[in-house]
Amino acid sequence: MFQGFKDERINVGEVDLRVRHAGEGPPVLLIHGHPRTGSTWHRVAPRLVELGHTVVCPDMRGYGRSGKAEIRPDHAQQSKRAVARDLVHLMTSLGHSHFAAVGHDRGCYVALRMALDHPDRVSRLVVLDGIPISEALARCDATFAHDWYHWFFFAQPDKPERAILADPDAWYGAARPDAMGAENYQEFRAAIHDPPTVRAMLEDYRAGLSIDREHEEADRRAGRTVRCPTLFLWSTRDDLVELYGDPLAVWQPWADDLRGAPIESGHHVAEENPLALAAAVHHFLS
């Protein structure tokens, strides 16, 4: 997995980040979602390197082998603003003044925040399988509350940690080593069995329902939008269409130059259809 990539720990201020990177050419930052680590891109990243990109795959703060920040009452230590700031510092440390950002699941919220907060750094934005947090909460109905109940359960103090850590494999039981790749599965399993990582991942959701929502609503009031070209891809066997009709329409007020398309896959597209995803990202970045 990640043959030919450097595997390093880089200090970005408040935490150290574990990062794998390789390649020559225009840089692209790949941001994973919950409960994955940067290894979720192990089938996409080498292909993008072959296609002429420099590829950077970190574990976000709190996730995987990256550092865990001290928990704050308002959950700001795991806000998308804090995570985005880490990753901008990371790209600076690696010598990349401008770069494309690709975010999946919880990572798409980080990529969005990065493009809004650091428009001079993000040259192109790709968001996968998610809509802005504030939009999801504004549209929340009984179907969302039933199917995505974990958003609200994870926001509760202490009980989610106890439930998950009582049997992490049962909680995340849909993951399979044959589908994920054996080494990727091992990293994922190590993460979900590590109590500090589990708490940090839950803090991601706690920030989402509070400070992250506030940040997005402030952006909308101020009329801030993503200025760089933006691509939104949604998996055909995920539920964004069932929840929102045309999910691309939800993104339109957020990005000045938006395009999008469905991609044949279940939710974990980087693992399930990596060749199609790499091709779509490469075409957009080129």
Protein backbone atom coordinates (compact mmCIF):
# COMPACT_ATOMS: atom_id res chain seq x y z
CA MET A 1 0.00 0.00 0.00
CA PHE A 2 1.33 3.46 -1.01
CA GLN A 3 4.44 2.00 -2.62
CA GLY A 4 6.90 4.77 -3.40
CA PHE A 5 5.21 7.28 -1.07
CA LYS A 6 7.01 9.00 1.78
CA ASP A 7 5.36 8.31 5.15
CA GLU A 8 6.09 11.11 7.63
CA ARG A 9 4.91 12.97 10.71
CA ILE A 10 4.87 16.74 10.26
CA ASN A 11 4.17 19.32 12.95
CA VAL A 12 1.57 21.89 11.90
CA GLY A 13 1.42 23.87 15.14
CA GLU A 14 -1.08 22.40 17.58
CA VAL A 15 -0.64 18.78 16.46
CA ASP A 16 1.53 16.49 14.36
CA LEU A 17 -0.04 14.98 11.27
CA ARG A 18 0.76 11.59 9.78
CA VAL A 19 1.01 12.08 6.00
CA ARG A 20 1.90 10.02 2.94
CA HIS A 21 2.91 11.87 -0.22
CA ALA A 22 4.50 11.25 -3.60
CA GLY A 23 4.61 12.43 -7.17
CA GLU A 24 5.60 15.30 -9.42
CA GLY A 25 3.38 17.93 -10.91
CA PRO A 26 0.37 19.91 -9.68
CA PRO A 27 -0.37 19.08 -6.01
CA VAL A 28 -3.65 17.58 -4.85
CA LEU A 29 -4.64 17.07 -1.21
CA LEU A 30 -6.90 14.07 -0.50
CA ILE A 31 -9.00 14.41 2.70
CA HIS A 32 -10.67 11.29 4.08
CA GLY A 33 -13.94 10.94 5.99
CA HIS A 34 -15.24 9.08 9.06
CA PRO A 35 -14.16 6.59 10.32
CA ARG A 36 -11.39 6.15 7.76
CA THR A 37 -7.81 7.39 7.68
CA GLY A 38 -5.69 8.65 4.79
CA SER A 39 -5.24 5.02 3.75
CA THR A 40 -8.75 5.02 2.27
CA TRP A 41 -7.12 6.65 -0.82
CA HIS A 42 -4.64 3.79 -1.33
CA ARG A 43 -6.21 2.79 -4.65
CA VAL A 44 -6.70 6.36 -5.91
CA ALA A 45 -3.47 8.08 -4.87
CA PRO A 46 -1.03 5.93 -6.90
CA ARG A 47 -3.20 6.33 -9.99
CA LEU A 48 -3.17 10.13 -9.63
CA VAL A 49 0.63 10.01 -9.27
CA GLU A 50 0.78 7.98 -12.51
CA LEU A 51 -1.38 10.65 -14.16
CA GLY A 52 1.12 13.36 -13.27
CA HIS A 53 0.03 14.77 -9.91
CA THR A 54 1.77 15.28 -6.61
CA VAL A 55 -0.54 13.58 -4.10
CA VAL A 56 -0.76 14.27 -0.36
CA CYS A 57 -2.79 11.91 1.89
CA PRO A 58 -2.87 12.94 5.56
CA ASP A 59 -4.75 11.57 8.51
CA MET A 60 -6.80 14.54 9.72
CA ARG A 61 -6.13 15.75 13.27
CA GLY A 62 -7.80 13.39 15.70
CA TYR A 63 -8.02 10.57 13.15
CA GLY A 64 -5.72 7.62 12.58
CA ARG A 65 -2.14 8.20 13.67
CA SER A 66 -2.33 12.01 13.70
CA GLY A 67 -2.21 14.02 16.90
CA LYS A 68 -5.19 14.65 19.16
CA ALA A 69 -5.75 18.22 20.36
CA GLU A 70 -6.93 19.01 23.87
CA ILE A 71 -10.74 18.95 23.96
CA ARG A 72 -12.43 22.32 24.45
CA PRO A 73 -15.95 22.98 25.74
CA ASP A 74 -17.09 24.39 22.38
CA HIS A 75 -15.40 21.53 20.42
CA ALA A 76 -13.41 24.12 18.44
CA GLN A 77 -10.31 21.90 18.56
CA GLN A 78 -12.03 19.58 16.07
CA SER A 79 -13.83 22.25 14.06
CA LYS A 80 -13.47 22.12 10.30
CA ARG A 81 -11.74 25.50 10.54
CA ALA A 82 -9.03 24.04 12.80
CA VAL A 83 -8.60 20.94 10.64
CA ALA A 84 -8.45 23.03 7.46
CA ARG A 85 -5.83 25.29 9.03
CA ASP A 86 -3.73 22.20 9.87
CA LEU A 87 -3.86 21.02 6.30
CA VAL A 88 -2.95 24.41 4.85
CA HIS A 89 0.09 24.44 7.17
CA LEU A 90 0.89 20.90 6.04
CA MET A 91 0.84 21.87 2.37
CA THR A 92 3.04 24.88 3.13
CA SER A 93 5.53 22.60 4.91
CA LEU A 94 5.63 20.38 1.83
CA GLY A 95 6.30 23.38 -0.41
CA HIS A 96 2.88 23.76 -2.04
CA SER A 97 1.64 27.35 -2.15
CA HIS A 98 -1.43 26.45 -4.24
CA PHE A 99 -3.16 23.10 -4.46
CA ALA A 100 -6.36 21.28 -5.30
CA ALA A 101 -8.38 19.88 -2.40
CA VAL A 102 -10.50 16.72 -2.60
CA GLY A 103 -12.70 15.85 0.38
CA HIS A 104 -14.96 12.87 1.02
CA ASP A 105 -17.69 12.51 3.67
CA ARG A 106 -16.53 14.50 6.75
CA GLY A 107 -13.52 15.48 4.68
CA CYS A 108 -15.74 17.33 2.23
CA TYR A 109 -16.72 19.72 5.05
CA VAL A 110 -13.04 20.34 5.74
CA ALA A 111 -12.34 20.93 2.04
CA LEU A 112 -15.25 23.39 1.84
CA ARG A 113 -14.04 25.26 4.93
CA MET A 114 -10.53 25.38 3.47
CA ALA A 115 -11.76 26.88 0.20
CA LEU A 116 -13.81 29.50 2.07
CA ASP A 117 -11.14 30.42 4.64
CA HIS A 118 -8.07 30.15 2.36
CA PRO A 119 -9.23 31.11 -1.14
CA ASP A 120 -5.72 32.18 -2.08
CA ARG A 121 -4.42 28.64 -1.47
CA VAL A 122 -7.09 26.31 -2.93
CA SER A 123 -6.96 26.29 -6.73
CA ARG A 124 -9.71 23.71 -7.30
CA LEU A 125 -12.19 21.98 -5.01
CA VAL A 126 -13.70 18.49 -5.28
CA VAL A 127 -16.40 17.47 -2.79
CA LEU A 128 -17.65 13.89 -2.58
CA ASP A 129 -20.81 12.45 -1.02
CA GLY A 130 -21.91 15.29 1.21
CA ILE A 131 -23.63 18.66 1.29
CA PRO A 132 -22.70 21.52 3.65
CA ILE A 133 -23.51 20.73 7.27
CA SER A 134 -25.82 23.72 7.66
CA GLU A 135 -27.76 22.63 4.57
CA ALA A 136 -28.17 19.08 5.88
CA LEU A 137 -29.45 20.36 9.23
CA ALA A 138 -31.79 22.89 7.63
CA ARG A 139 -33.31 20.08 5.54
CA CYS A 140 -33.39 17.51 8.35
CA ASP A 141 -36.65 15.56 8.40
CA ALA A 142 -37.83 12.27 9.87
CA THR A 143 -36.04 10.27 7.16
CA PHE A 144 -32.71 11.97 7.85
CA ALA A 145 -33.16 11.63 11.62
CA HIS A 146 -33.90 7.91 11.20
CA ASP A 147 -31.15 7.07 8.69
CA TRP A 148 -28.49 9.44 10.06
CA TYR A 149 -29.36 9.20 13.74
CA HIS A 150 -25.68 8.84 14.58
CA TRP A 151 -25.16 12.56 13.88
CA PHE A 152 -27.27 13.31 16.94
CA PHE A 153 -26.21 10.33 19.04
CA PHE A 154 -22.54 11.17 18.52
CA ALA A 155 -23.20 14.69 19.80
CA GLN A 156 -24.16 13.39 23.24
CA PRO A 157 -21.48 13.36 25.98
CA ASP A 158 -19.72 10.11 26.94
CA LYS A 159 -22.36 7.56 25.90
CA PRO A 160 -21.21 7.25 22.26
CA GLU A 161 -17.64 6.50 23.39
CA ARG A 162 -18.90 3.80 25.71
CA ALA A 163 -21.15 2.27 23.07
CA ILE A 164 -18.50 2.18 20.33
CA LEU A 165 -15.59 1.03 22.48
CA ALA A 166 -17.65 -1.78 24.03
CA ASP A 167 -17.39 -3.53 20.63
CA PRO A 168 -15.88 -1.40 17.84
CA ASP A 169 -16.04 -4.20 15.29
CA ALA A 170 -19.76 -4.64 15.84
CA TRP A 171 -20.40 -0.88 15.66
CA TYR A 172 -18.53 -0.56 12.34
CA GLY A 173 -19.47 -4.03 11.21
CA ALA A 174 -20.01 -3.27 7.52
CA ALA A 175 -16.27 -2.89 6.85
CA ARG A 176 -14.58 -5.88 5.17
CA PRO A 177 -10.88 -6.44 4.48
CA ASP A 178 -11.56 -7.91 1.04
CA ALA A 179 -13.44 -4.77 -0.02
CA MET A 180 -11.17 -2.24 1.68
CA GLY A 181 -7.81 -3.92 1.07
CA ALA A 182 -6.07 -5.76 3.89
CA GLU A 183 -3.66 -3.00 4.98
CA ASN A 184 -6.31 -0.28 4.74
CA TYR A 185 -8.59 -2.45 6.85
CA GLN A 186 -5.86 -2.93 9.45
CA GLU A 187 -5.38 0.86 9.76
CA PHE A 188 -9.13 1.41 10.02
CA ARG A 189 -9.45 -1.28 12.68
CA ALA A 190 -6.55 0.10 14.72
CA ALA A 191 -8.24 3.52 14.66
CA ILE A 192 -11.66 2.36 15.82
CA HIS A 193 -10.09 0.39 18.70
CA ASP A 194 -8.10 3.39 19.97
CA PRO A 195 -10.06 5.35 22.64
CA PRO A 196 -8.43 8.78 21.98
CA THR A 197 -9.12 8.40 18.25
CA VAL A 198 -12.73 7.39 18.85
CA ARG A 199 -13.25 10.42 21.10
CA ALA A 200 -11.68 12.75 18.54
CA MET A 201 -13.87 11.33 15.76
CA LEU A 202 -16.92 11.96 17.91
CA GLU A 203 -15.70 15.49 18.57
CA ASP A 204 -15.81 15.97 14.79
CA TYR A 205 -19.59 15.41 14.95
CA ARG A 206 -20.00 17.52 18.08
CA ALA A 207 -18.28 20.39 16.32
CA GLY A 208 -20.48 19.78 13.29
CA LEU A 209 -23.71 20.40 15.17
CA SER A 210 -22.37 23.53 16.88
CA ILE A 211 -19.39 25.63 15.85
CA ASP A 212 -19.17 24.32 12.26
CA ARG A 213 -22.81 25.12 11.64
CA GLU A 214 -22.27 28.60 13.05
CA HIS A 215 -19.31 29.17 10.75
CA GLU A 216 -21.29 28.12 7.66
CA GLU A 217 -24.29 30.25 8.59
CA ALA A 218 -21.98 33.23 9.06
CA ASP A 219 -20.59 32.60 5.57
CA ARG A 220 -24.07 32.63 4.06
CA ARG A 221 -25.04 35.85 5.84
CA ALA A 222 -21.85 37.48 4.58
CA GLY A 223 -22.37 36.17 1.05
CA ARG A 224 -19.10 34.25 1.00
CA THR A 225 -18.82 31.58 -1.66
CA VAL A 226 -16.17 29.24 -3.06
CA ARG A 227 -14.39 31.20 -5.77
CA CYS A 228 -12.38 28.42 -7.37
CA PRO A 229 -13.79 25.86 -9.84
CA THR A 230 -15.69 23.20 -7.90
CA LEU A 231 -16.66 19.62 -8.74
CA PHE A 232 -19.30 17.73 -6.77
CA LEU A 233 -19.55 13.95 -7.21
CA TRP A 234 -22.16 11.79 -5.50
CA SER A 235 -22.29 8.00 -5.36
CA THR A 236 -25.22 6.34 -7.09
CA ARG A 237 -25.70 3.81 -4.27
CA ASP A 238 -25.56 6.42 -1.53
CA ASP A 239 -28.69 8.29 -0.41
CA LEU A 240 -28.13 11.94 -1.31
CA VAL A 241 -30.70 11.85 -4.11
CA GLU A 242 -33.29 10.22 -1.83
CA LEU A 243 -32.67 12.85 0.84
CA TYR A 244 -32.34 15.98 -1.29
CA GLY A 245 -33.62 15.32 -4.79
CA ASP A 246 -30.93 17.04 -6.85
CA PRO A 247 -27.94 17.35 -4.49
CA LEU A 248 -26.08 19.48 -7.05
CA ALA A 249 -28.76 22.15 -6.62
CA VAL A 250 -27.96 22.27 -2.89
CA TRP A 251 -24.35 23.10 -3.70
CA GLN A 252 -25.09 25.79 -6.31
CA PRO A 253 -25.40 28.73 -3.87
CA TRP A 254 -22.04 27.82 -2.33
CA ALA A 255 -19.78 27.83 -5.40
CA ASP A 256 -19.38 30.37 -8.17
CA ASP A 257 -18.17 27.84 -10.75
CA LEU A 258 -19.84 24.48 -10.07
CA ARG A 259 -20.18 21.30 -12.03
CA GLY A 260 -21.10 17.80 -10.92
CA ALA A 261 -22.15 14.28 -11.78
CA PRO A 262 -23.06 10.96 -10.17
CA ILE A 263 -20.44 8.25 -9.97
CA GLU A 264 -21.24 4.52 -9.85
CA SER A 265 -20.41 3.39 -6.33
CA GLY A 266 -21.51 2.90 -2.78
CA HIS A 267 -20.54 5.48 -0.17
CA HIS A 268 -16.81 4.66 0.08
CA VAL A 269 -16.08 5.53 -3.53
CA ALA A 270 -12.28 5.68 -3.16
CA GLU A 271 -12.31 2.02 -2.20
CA GLU A 272 -15.20 0.82 -4.36
CA ASN A 273 -14.58 2.56 -7.70
CA PRO A 274 -11.08 4.06 -7.53
CA LEU A 275 -10.36 4.07 -11.27
CA ALA A 276 -13.50 6.05 -12.12
CA LEU A 277 -12.87 8.45 -9.25
CA ALA A 278 -9.23 9.02 -10.20
CA ALA A 279 -10.26 9.60 -13.81
CA ALA A 280 -12.94 12.12 -12.82
CA VAL A 281 -10.59 14.01 -10.51
CA HIS A 282 -7.77 14.03 -13.06
CA HIS A 283 -10.07 15.27 -15.84
CA PHE A 284 -11.34 18.09 -13.64
CA LEU A 285 -7.89 19.12 -12.42
CA SER A 286 -6.50 19.02 -15.95
